[in-house]
Amino acid sequence: MRKLLAIIALSALINTPSVAGKLIVDALETHSTMIDLPSSETASISFKRCGDCATQYATATVTTIYELEGRRVSLSELRAALAIKPAPLAVLYRVSDSTLVRISAY
């Protein structure tokens, strides 16, 4: 039930338009083996939506949220956990300036 509520809340956040009708936050589902996590609190990540798609970038900030199995963790804790046990990720970033909002590992 908790996961269902989280999915519903995430869906609402992702699909929330701005006043101008533009997407505010976009999300990418990927796997920790397919993406390099930020090396520091202000580093960038790169990703592709598909094999033929252009590479996109998002920049982490000190306000970027990192989650592991539903609990908030530091970037170093997330990196350490995923080095031991790779996992699926949800990556959320702000469309207007490509700021990394959240990385959640499940």
N, C-alpha and C. Protein backbone atom coordinates (compact mmCIF):
# COMPACT_ATOMS: atom_id res chain seq x y z
N MET A 1 0.82 -1.19 0.00
CA MET A 1 0.00 0.00 0.00
C MET A 1 0.87 1.26 0.00
N ARG A 2 1.96 1.23 0.78
CA ARG A 2 2.85 2.38 0.87
C ARG A 2 3.47 2.69 -0.49
N LYS A 3 3.88 1.63 -1.22
CA LYS A 3 4.46 1.84 -2.54
C LYS A 3 3.42 2.40 -3.51
N LEU A 4 2.19 1.93 -3.41
CA LEU A 4 1.13 2.42 -4.28
C LEU A 4 0.90 3.91 -4.05
N LEU A 5 0.88 4.33 -2.80
CA LEU A 5 0.70 5.75 -2.49
C LEU A 5 1.88 6.57 -3.01
N ALA A 6 3.09 6.02 -2.89
CA ALA A 6 4.27 6.72 -3.38
C ALA A 6 4.21 6.87 -4.89
N ILE A 7 3.76 5.83 -5.58
CA ILE A 7 3.65 5.89 -7.04
C ILE A 7 2.62 6.93 -7.46
N ILE A 8 1.50 6.97 -6.76
CA ILE A 8 0.45 7.95 -7.07
C ILE A 8 0.97 9.36 -6.83
N ALA A 9 1.66 9.59 -5.73
CA ALA A 9 2.20 10.91 -5.43
C ALA A 9 3.25 11.31 -6.46
N LEU A 10 4.11 10.37 -6.83
CA LEU A 10 5.14 10.64 -7.82
C LEU A 10 4.52 10.96 -9.17
N SER A 11 3.51 10.22 -9.54
CA SER A 11 2.82 10.46 -10.79
C SER A 11 2.21 11.85 -10.82
N ALA A 12 1.62 12.26 -9.73
CA ALA A 12 1.02 13.59 -9.66
C ALA A 12 2.09 14.66 -9.80
N LEU A 13 3.24 14.45 -9.16
CA LEU A 13 4.33 15.41 -9.24
C LEU A 13 4.87 15.50 -10.66
N ILE A 14 5.10 14.37 -11.28
CA ILE A 14 5.67 14.34 -12.62
C ILE A 14 4.75 14.99 -13.64
N ASN A 15 3.46 14.79 -13.49
CA ASN A 15 2.51 15.28 -14.48
C ASN A 15 1.91 16.64 -14.13
N THR A 16 2.50 17.34 -13.19
CA THR A 16 1.99 18.64 -12.80
C THR A 16 2.46 19.71 -13.78
N PRO A 17 1.55 20.34 -14.51
CA PRO A 17 1.97 21.38 -15.45
C PRO A 17 2.13 22.73 -14.74
N SER A 18 2.91 23.60 -15.34
CA SER A 18 3.01 24.96 -14.83
C SER A 18 1.82 25.75 -15.35
N VAL A 19 1.78 27.00 -15.01
CA VAL A 19 0.69 27.86 -15.47
C VAL A 19 0.67 27.91 -16.99
N ALA A 20 1.85 27.89 -17.60
CA ALA A 20 1.94 27.97 -19.05
C ALA A 20 1.66 26.62 -19.72
N GLY A 21 1.39 25.60 -18.92
CA GLY A 21 1.09 24.28 -19.47
C GLY A 21 2.31 23.46 -19.83
N LYS A 22 3.49 23.86 -19.36
CA LYS A 22 4.71 23.12 -19.64
C LYS A 22 5.03 22.19 -18.47
N LEU A 23 5.69 21.11 -18.78
CA LEU A 23 6.10 20.15 -17.77
C LEU A 23 7.16 20.77 -16.87
N ILE A 24 6.97 20.69 -15.56
CA ILE A 24 7.91 21.26 -14.60
C ILE A 24 9.01 20.26 -14.28
N VAL A 25 8.62 19.01 -14.01
CA VAL A 25 9.56 17.96 -13.63
C VAL A 25 9.36 16.78 -14.56
N ASP A 26 10.47 16.20 -15.00
CA ASP A 26 10.40 15.00 -15.82
C ASP A 26 11.13 13.89 -15.07
N ALA A 27 10.86 12.66 -15.43
CA ALA A 27 11.46 11.52 -14.74
C ALA A 27 11.99 10.51 -15.73
N LEU A 28 12.96 9.78 -15.29
CA LEU A 28 13.58 8.73 -16.07
C LEU A 28 13.67 7.50 -15.19
N GLU A 29 13.20 6.37 -15.69
CA GLU A 29 13.39 5.11 -15.00
C GLU A 29 14.59 4.44 -15.63
N THR A 30 15.54 4.04 -14.81
CA THR A 30 16.76 3.42 -15.32
C THR A 30 17.27 2.44 -14.28
N HIS A 31 18.48 1.99 -14.44
CA HIS A 31 19.10 1.07 -13.49
C HIS A 31 20.44 1.66 -13.09
N SER A 32 20.86 1.39 -11.87
CA SER A 32 22.10 1.99 -11.38
C SER A 32 23.31 1.58 -12.21
N THR A 33 23.22 0.48 -12.94
CA THR A 33 24.33 0.06 -13.80
C THR A 33 24.36 0.84 -15.11
N MET A 34 23.30 1.62 -15.39
CA MET A 34 23.19 2.34 -16.66
C MET A 34 23.45 3.84 -16.53
N ILE A 35 23.78 4.30 -15.35
CA ILE A 35 23.95 5.73 -15.12
C ILE A 35 25.06 5.93 -14.08
N ASP A 36 25.82 6.99 -14.25
CA ASP A 36 26.82 7.35 -13.25
C ASP A 36 26.19 8.32 -12.29
N LEU A 37 26.18 7.95 -11.02
CA LEU A 37 25.66 8.86 -10.00
C LEU A 37 26.58 10.07 -9.90
N PRO A 38 26.05 11.20 -9.41
CA PRO A 38 26.91 12.37 -9.24
C PRO A 38 28.09 12.03 -8.33
N SER A 39 29.25 12.56 -8.66
CA SER A 39 30.45 12.30 -7.84
C SER A 39 30.52 13.24 -6.64
N SER A 40 29.76 14.31 -6.69
CA SER A 40 29.70 15.26 -5.57
C SER A 40 28.33 15.90 -5.54
N GLU A 41 28.09 16.72 -4.54
CA GLU A 41 26.76 17.35 -4.40
C GLU A 41 26.44 18.35 -5.51
N THR A 42 27.43 18.75 -6.30
CA THR A 42 27.17 19.72 -7.37
C THR A 42 27.65 19.21 -8.73
N ALA A 43 27.77 17.91 -8.89
CA ALA A 43 28.22 17.32 -10.14
C ALA A 43 27.03 17.05 -11.06
N SER A 44 27.31 16.74 -12.30
CA SER A 44 26.27 16.43 -13.28
C SER A 44 26.20 14.93 -13.54
N ILE A 45 25.04 14.50 -14.01
CA ILE A 45 24.89 13.15 -14.51
C ILE A 45 24.50 13.25 -15.98
N SER A 46 24.79 12.22 -16.74
CA SER A 46 24.35 12.19 -18.13
C SER A 46 23.52 10.92 -18.32
N PHE A 47 22.55 11.00 -19.23
CA PHE A 47 21.69 9.86 -19.49
C PHE A 47 21.10 9.98 -20.87
N LYS A 48 20.62 8.84 -21.38
CA LYS A 48 19.92 8.80 -22.66
C LYS A 48 18.57 8.15 -22.42
N ARG A 49 17.55 8.66 -23.05
CA ARG A 49 16.21 8.08 -22.94
C ARG A 49 16.09 6.82 -23.80
N CYS A 50 16.93 6.71 -24.84
CA CYS A 50 16.93 5.52 -25.69
C CYS A 50 18.31 5.42 -26.34
N GLY A 51 18.56 4.31 -27.00
CA GLY A 51 19.87 4.10 -27.60
C GLY A 51 20.24 5.13 -28.65
N ASP A 52 19.26 5.60 -29.42
CA ASP A 52 19.51 6.58 -30.47
C ASP A 52 19.27 8.02 -30.03
N CYS A 53 18.82 8.22 -28.81
CA CYS A 53 18.50 9.56 -28.32
C CYS A 53 19.77 10.33 -27.97
N ALA A 54 19.65 11.64 -28.01
CA ALA A 54 20.76 12.50 -27.63
C ALA A 54 21.02 12.39 -26.13
N THR A 55 22.26 12.56 -25.75
CA THR A 55 22.62 12.55 -24.33
C THR A 55 22.06 13.80 -23.66
N GLN A 56 21.45 13.61 -22.50
CA GLN A 56 20.93 14.72 -21.70
C GLN A 56 21.73 14.80 -20.41
N TYR A 57 21.73 15.97 -19.79
CA TYR A 57 22.47 16.19 -18.56
C TYR A 57 21.56 16.80 -17.50
N ALA A 58 21.83 16.48 -16.27
CA ALA A 58 21.15 17.11 -15.13
C ALA A 58 22.21 17.34 -14.06
N THR A 59 22.11 18.48 -13.39
CA THR A 59 23.11 18.86 -12.39
C THR A 59 22.54 18.74 -11.00
N ALA A 60 23.27 18.06 -10.14
CA ALA A 60 22.89 17.93 -8.73
C ALA A 60 23.18 19.24 -8.00
N THR A 61 22.43 19.48 -6.95
CA THR A 61 22.66 20.63 -6.09
C THR A 61 22.64 20.15 -4.64
N VAL A 62 22.90 21.04 -3.72
CA VAL A 62 22.85 20.64 -2.31
C VAL A 62 21.44 20.30 -1.86
N THR A 63 20.43 20.66 -2.67
CA THR A 63 19.05 20.34 -2.31
C THR A 63 18.55 19.05 -2.98
N THR A 64 19.38 18.42 -3.81
CA THR A 64 18.98 17.16 -4.45
C THR A 64 18.73 16.11 -3.36
N ILE A 65 17.65 15.37 -3.52
CA ILE A 65 17.26 14.35 -2.54
C ILE A 65 17.69 12.97 -3.06
N TYR A 66 18.26 12.18 -2.18
CA TYR A 66 18.66 10.81 -2.50
C TYR A 66 17.88 9.87 -1.59
N GLU A 67 17.30 8.83 -2.19
CA GLU A 67 16.50 7.88 -1.42
C GLU A 67 16.93 6.46 -1.75
N LEU A 68 16.89 5.62 -0.72
CA LEU A 68 17.20 4.21 -0.86
C LEU A 68 16.09 3.42 -0.19
N GLU A 69 15.33 2.68 -0.98
CA GLU A 69 14.21 1.88 -0.48
C GLU A 69 13.27 2.70 0.41
N GLY A 70 12.96 3.91 -0.04
CA GLY A 70 11.98 4.75 0.64
C GLY A 70 12.50 5.62 1.77
N ARG A 71 13.78 5.52 2.09
CA ARG A 71 14.30 6.39 3.15
C ARG A 71 15.37 7.32 2.60
N ARG A 72 15.40 8.51 3.14
CA ARG A 72 16.34 9.53 2.69
C ARG A 72 17.75 9.18 3.17
N VAL A 73 18.71 9.27 2.25
CA VAL A 73 20.11 8.97 2.56
C VAL A 73 20.99 10.04 1.93
N SER A 74 22.26 10.04 2.31
CA SER A 74 23.20 10.96 1.68
C SER A 74 23.65 10.39 0.34
N LEU A 75 24.25 11.22 -0.49
CA LEU A 75 24.77 10.77 -1.77
C LEU A 75 25.80 9.67 -1.56
N SER A 76 26.69 9.83 -0.60
CA SER A 76 27.72 8.81 -0.36
C SER A 76 27.10 7.49 0.10
N GLU A 77 26.05 7.55 0.91
CA GLU A 77 25.37 6.32 1.33
C GLU A 77 24.72 5.62 0.14
N LEU A 78 24.09 6.39 -0.74
CA LEU A 78 23.46 5.80 -1.91
C LEU A 78 24.50 5.18 -2.83
N ARG A 79 25.59 5.88 -3.06
CA ARG A 79 26.66 5.35 -3.91
C ARG A 79 27.22 4.05 -3.34
N ALA A 80 27.44 4.02 -2.05
CA ALA A 80 28.00 2.82 -1.40
C ALA A 80 27.04 1.64 -1.50
N ALA A 81 25.76 1.89 -1.25
CA ALA A 81 24.77 0.81 -1.30
C ALA A 81 24.64 0.25 -2.71
N LEU A 82 24.62 1.13 -3.72
CA LEU A 82 24.46 0.68 -5.09
C LEU A 82 25.72 0.02 -5.64
N ALA A 83 26.87 0.32 -5.06
CA ALA A 83 28.11 -0.36 -5.45
C ALA A 83 28.06 -1.83 -5.02
N ILE A 84 27.38 -2.09 -3.91
CA ILE A 84 27.25 -3.46 -3.39
C ILE A 84 26.11 -4.19 -4.07
N LYS A 85 24.97 -3.51 -4.20
CA LYS A 85 23.76 -4.13 -4.76
C LYS A 85 23.10 -3.17 -5.74
N PRO A 86 23.39 -3.30 -7.04
CA PRO A 86 22.75 -2.44 -8.04
C PRO A 86 21.22 -2.56 -7.96
N ALA A 87 20.53 -1.49 -8.35
CA ALA A 87 19.07 -1.45 -8.21
C ALA A 87 18.45 -0.54 -9.26
N PRO A 88 17.12 -0.71 -9.49
CA PRO A 88 16.40 0.23 -10.36
C PRO A 88 16.38 1.62 -9.74
N LEU A 89 16.38 2.64 -10.59
CA LEU A 89 16.37 4.03 -10.13
C LEU A 89 15.25 4.81 -10.80
N ALA A 90 14.74 5.78 -10.08
CA ALA A 90 13.88 6.83 -10.64
C ALA A 90 14.66 8.13 -10.50
N VAL A 91 14.88 8.80 -11.60
CA VAL A 91 15.64 10.05 -11.62
C VAL A 91 14.69 11.16 -12.02
N LEU A 92 14.50 12.15 -11.14
CA LEU A 92 13.63 13.29 -11.41
C LEU A 92 14.48 14.54 -11.58
N TYR A 93 14.18 15.31 -12.62
CA TYR A 93 14.93 16.55 -12.84
C TYR A 93 13.98 17.64 -13.32
N ARG A 94 14.32 18.87 -12.99
CA ARG A 94 13.52 20.03 -13.40
C ARG A 94 13.84 20.34 -14.86
N VAL A 95 12.83 20.42 -15.68
CA VAL A 95 12.99 20.60 -17.12
C VAL A 95 13.59 21.96 -17.46
N SER A 96 13.18 23.00 -16.79
CA SER A 96 13.58 24.36 -17.16
C SER A 96 15.08 24.59 -17.10
N ASP A 97 15.76 23.98 -16.14
CA ASP A 97 17.20 24.22 -16.00
C ASP A 97 18.01 22.94 -15.78
N SER A 98 17.39 21.79 -15.98
CA SER A 98 18.05 20.48 -15.84
C SER A 98 18.68 20.27 -14.47
N THR A 99 18.00 20.77 -13.44
CA THR A 99 18.46 20.54 -12.07
C THR A 99 17.95 19.20 -11.58
N LEU A 100 18.85 18.41 -11.03
CA LEU A 100 18.50 17.09 -10.50
C LEU A 100 17.72 17.29 -9.21
N VAL A 101 16.49 16.80 -9.16
CA VAL A 101 15.62 16.98 -8.00
C VAL A 101 15.77 15.82 -7.04
N ARG A 102 15.72 14.59 -7.59
CA ARG A 102 15.73 13.42 -6.72
C ARG A 102 16.22 12.20 -7.49
N ILE A 103 16.95 11.33 -6.77
CA ILE A 103 17.29 10.00 -7.28
C ILE A 103 16.81 9.01 -6.22
N SER A 104 15.92 8.12 -6.64
CA SER A 104 15.37 7.11 -5.73
C SER A 104 15.76 5.73 -6.21
N ALA A 105 16.33 4.92 -5.32
CA ALA A 105 16.70 3.54 -5.63
C ALA A 105 15.71 2.62 -4.93
N TYR A 106 15.27 1.57 -5.65
CA TYR A 106 14.25 0.65 -5.11
C TYR A 106 14.77 -0.76 -5.01
